[in-house]
Amino acid sequence: MLRRLLSHHELATLLLLLHAPIDASAKPEITTLQEAGLVEQVPGDAAAGAAQIRLTSEGNAVLQGLGIAR
């Protein structure tokens, strides 16, 4: 359950993650979304060495609540 409203930047980041993981350093909102439990870090491409961020089930639930089905 969210305890605060998400900013438009945070919502946009969740929408980006709906289709594919992104680089952990791609967006400054990642830390806040991780703290809220909406995204999680996963190992990235071994060659690139960068961690990736993807939606959690809670993040998916937020988007479904907005009518964006996955």
N, C-alpha and C. Protein backbone atom coordinates (compact mmCIF):
# COMPACT_ATOMS: atom_id res chain seq x y z
N MET A 1 0.84 -1.18 0.00
CA MET A 1 0.00 0.00 0.00
C MET A 1 0.89 1.24 0.00
N LEU A 2 0.65 2.13 -0.93
CA LEU A 2 1.43 3.37 -0.99
C LEU A 2 1.01 4.30 0.13
N ARG A 3 2.00 4.94 0.72
CA ARG A 3 1.73 5.88 1.80
C ARG A 3 1.79 7.33 1.32
N ARG A 4 2.13 7.52 0.05
CA ARG A 4 2.18 8.87 -0.51
C ARG A 4 1.90 8.78 -2.01
N LEU A 5 1.61 9.90 -2.59
CA LEU A 5 1.38 9.96 -4.03
C LEU A 5 2.72 9.91 -4.75
N LEU A 6 2.71 9.30 -5.91
CA LEU A 6 3.93 9.26 -6.72
C LEU A 6 4.01 10.52 -7.58
N SER A 7 5.22 10.99 -7.80
CA SER A 7 5.42 12.14 -8.69
C SER A 7 5.22 11.69 -10.13
N HIS A 8 5.08 12.64 -11.02
CA HIS A 8 4.93 12.30 -12.42
C HIS A 8 6.21 11.64 -12.96
N HIS A 9 7.36 11.99 -12.42
CA HIS A 9 8.61 11.35 -12.83
C HIS A 9 8.65 9.90 -12.38
N GLU A 10 8.18 9.63 -11.17
CA GLU A 10 8.15 8.26 -10.66
C GLU A 10 7.17 7.40 -11.47
N LEU A 11 6.01 7.96 -11.79
CA LEU A 11 5.05 7.22 -12.62
C LEU A 11 5.62 6.94 -14.01
N ALA A 12 6.31 7.91 -14.58
CA ALA A 12 6.92 7.72 -15.90
C ALA A 12 7.97 6.62 -15.84
N THR A 13 8.73 6.55 -14.76
CA THR A 13 9.74 5.51 -14.60
C THR A 13 9.08 4.14 -14.51
N LEU A 14 7.98 4.04 -13.76
CA LEU A 14 7.24 2.77 -13.69
C LEU A 14 6.75 2.35 -15.07
N LEU A 15 6.28 3.32 -15.86
CA LEU A 15 5.82 3.01 -17.21
C LEU A 15 6.97 2.50 -18.09
N LEU A 16 8.14 3.08 -17.95
CA LEU A 16 9.30 2.60 -18.70
C LEU A 16 9.61 1.15 -18.34
N LEU A 17 9.50 0.84 -17.06
CA LEU A 17 9.81 -0.50 -16.58
C LEU A 17 8.75 -1.53 -16.94
N LEU A 18 7.60 -1.08 -17.36
CA LEU A 18 6.53 -2.00 -17.73
C LEU A 18 6.95 -2.90 -18.88
N HIS A 19 7.76 -2.38 -19.78
CA HIS A 19 8.13 -3.12 -20.98
C HIS A 19 9.46 -3.83 -20.89
N ALA A 20 10.37 -3.35 -20.08
CA ALA A 20 11.69 -4.00 -19.98
C ALA A 20 12.47 -3.40 -18.82
N PRO A 21 13.38 -4.18 -18.24
CA PRO A 21 14.25 -3.62 -17.20
C PRO A 21 15.11 -2.49 -17.79
N ILE A 22 15.52 -1.57 -16.93
CA ILE A 22 16.39 -0.48 -17.36
C ILE A 22 17.64 -0.48 -16.48
N ASP A 23 18.65 0.22 -16.92
CA ASP A 23 19.90 0.37 -16.18
C ASP A 23 19.61 1.05 -14.84
N ALA A 24 20.22 0.55 -13.78
CA ALA A 24 19.97 1.06 -12.43
C ALA A 24 20.30 2.53 -12.28
N SER A 25 21.21 3.05 -13.08
CA SER A 25 21.58 4.46 -12.96
C SER A 25 20.83 5.35 -13.95
N ALA A 26 19.85 4.80 -14.65
CA ALA A 26 19.18 5.54 -15.71
C ALA A 26 18.30 6.68 -15.21
N LYS A 27 17.68 6.53 -14.07
CA LYS A 27 16.73 7.54 -13.59
C LYS A 27 16.99 7.83 -12.12
N PRO A 28 16.94 9.09 -11.72
CA PRO A 28 17.17 9.44 -10.31
C PRO A 28 16.05 8.98 -9.38
N GLU A 29 14.89 8.64 -9.92
CA GLU A 29 13.76 8.22 -9.10
C GLU A 29 13.88 6.78 -8.60
N ILE A 30 14.85 6.04 -9.11
CA ILE A 30 14.98 4.62 -8.79
C ILE A 30 15.09 4.38 -7.29
N THR A 31 15.90 5.15 -6.59
CA THR A 31 16.10 4.95 -5.15
C THR A 31 14.79 5.08 -4.39
N THR A 32 14.02 6.10 -4.68
CA THR A 32 12.74 6.30 -4.01
C THR A 32 11.77 5.16 -4.31
N LEU A 33 11.74 4.72 -5.57
CA LEU A 33 10.86 3.62 -5.94
C LEU A 33 11.29 2.31 -5.28
N GLN A 34 12.60 2.11 -5.11
CA GLN A 34 13.10 0.92 -4.41
C GLN A 34 12.66 0.95 -2.95
N GLU A 35 12.80 2.10 -2.31
CA GLU A 35 12.41 2.24 -0.91
C GLU A 35 10.91 1.98 -0.72
N ALA A 36 10.10 2.32 -1.74
CA ALA A 36 8.66 2.08 -1.68
C ALA A 36 8.31 0.64 -2.03
N GLY A 37 9.30 -0.14 -2.49
CA GLY A 37 9.05 -1.54 -2.84
C GLY A 37 8.41 -1.73 -4.20
N LEU A 38 8.49 -0.72 -5.06
CA LEU A 38 7.85 -0.80 -6.37
C LEU A 38 8.77 -1.33 -7.46
N VAL A 39 10.08 -1.24 -7.24
CA VAL A 39 11.07 -1.76 -8.18
C VAL A 39 12.13 -2.52 -7.39
N GLU A 40 12.86 -3.38 -8.13
CA GLU A 40 13.93 -4.14 -7.49
C GLU A 40 15.11 -4.24 -8.44
N GLN A 41 16.28 -4.44 -7.86
CA GLN A 41 17.50 -4.55 -8.64
C GLN A 41 17.75 -6.01 -8.95
N VAL A 42 18.14 -6.29 -10.19
CA VAL A 42 18.47 -7.63 -10.64
C VAL A 42 19.82 -7.57 -11.35
N PRO A 43 20.53 -8.69 -11.38
CA PRO A 43 21.82 -8.68 -12.08
C PRO A 43 21.63 -8.31 -13.55
N GLY A 44 22.55 -7.52 -14.04
CA GLY A 44 22.49 -7.08 -15.43
C GLY A 44 23.36 -7.92 -16.32
N ASP A 45 23.63 -7.42 -17.48
CA ASP A 45 24.49 -8.08 -18.46
C ASP A 45 25.90 -8.18 -17.89
N ALA A 46 26.45 -9.37 -17.86
CA ALA A 46 27.79 -9.57 -17.30
C ALA A 46 28.85 -8.77 -18.06
N ALA A 47 28.69 -8.63 -19.35
CA ALA A 47 29.66 -7.87 -20.15
C ALA A 47 29.63 -6.39 -19.80
N ALA A 48 28.44 -5.87 -19.60
CA ALA A 48 28.31 -4.46 -19.28
C ALA A 48 28.57 -4.20 -17.80
N GLY A 49 28.27 -5.18 -16.95
CA GLY A 49 28.51 -5.03 -15.53
C GLY A 49 27.52 -4.14 -14.79
N ALA A 50 26.49 -3.69 -15.47
CA ALA A 50 25.52 -2.79 -14.85
C ALA A 50 24.33 -3.56 -14.32
N ALA A 51 23.88 -3.19 -13.14
CA ALA A 51 22.67 -3.79 -12.58
C ALA A 51 21.45 -3.24 -13.31
N GLN A 52 20.40 -4.03 -13.35
CA GLN A 52 19.16 -3.63 -13.99
C GLN A 52 18.07 -3.48 -12.93
N ILE A 53 17.08 -2.67 -13.22
CA ILE A 53 15.94 -2.43 -12.34
C ILE A 53 14.69 -2.95 -13.05
N ARG A 54 13.82 -3.65 -12.31
CA ARG A 54 12.55 -4.11 -12.86
C ARG A 54 11.43 -3.87 -11.85
N LEU A 55 10.21 -3.94 -12.33
CA LEU A 55 9.04 -3.77 -11.48
C LEU A 55 8.89 -4.95 -10.53
N THR A 56 8.41 -4.68 -9.33
CA THR A 56 8.00 -5.74 -8.41
C THR A 56 6.51 -5.98 -8.62
N SER A 57 5.95 -6.96 -7.93
CA SER A 57 4.51 -7.20 -8.04
C SER A 57 3.74 -5.99 -7.53
N GLU A 58 4.27 -5.28 -6.54
CA GLU A 58 3.63 -4.07 -6.03
C GLU A 58 3.64 -2.97 -7.08
N GLY A 59 4.75 -2.84 -7.81
CA GLY A 59 4.84 -1.87 -8.89
C GLY A 59 3.84 -2.17 -9.99
N ASN A 60 3.71 -3.46 -10.33
CA ASN A 60 2.72 -3.86 -11.32
C ASN A 60 1.31 -3.53 -10.84
N ALA A 61 1.05 -3.74 -9.55
CA ALA A 61 -0.27 -3.46 -8.99
C ALA A 61 -0.61 -1.97 -9.10
N VAL A 62 0.37 -1.10 -8.90
CA VAL A 62 0.13 0.34 -9.04
C VAL A 62 -0.30 0.65 -10.47
N LEU A 63 0.41 0.10 -11.44
CA LEU A 63 0.05 0.36 -12.84
C LEU A 63 -1.30 -0.25 -13.20
N GLN A 64 -1.60 -1.43 -12.66
CA GLN A 64 -2.92 -2.03 -12.91
C GLN A 64 -4.02 -1.16 -12.30
N GLY A 65 -3.75 -0.58 -11.13
CA GLY A 65 -4.71 0.32 -10.50
C GLY A 65 -4.99 1.56 -11.33
N LEU A 66 -4.04 1.93 -12.16
CA LEU A 66 -4.21 3.07 -13.07
C LEU A 66 -4.85 2.66 -14.39
N GLY A 67 -5.17 1.37 -14.51
CA GLY A 67 -5.79 0.87 -15.74
C GLY A 67 -4.81 0.45 -16.79
N ILE A 68 -3.55 0.29 -16.42
CA ILE A 68 -2.53 -0.14 -17.35
C ILE A 68 -2.25 -1.61 -17.04
N ALA A 69 -2.88 -2.49 -17.78
CA ALA A 69 -2.78 -3.93 -17.49
C ALA A 69 -1.48 -4.50 -18.01
N ARG A 70 -1.01 -5.50 -17.33
CA ARG A 70 0.20 -6.22 -17.77
C ARG A 70 -0.07 -7.67 -17.80
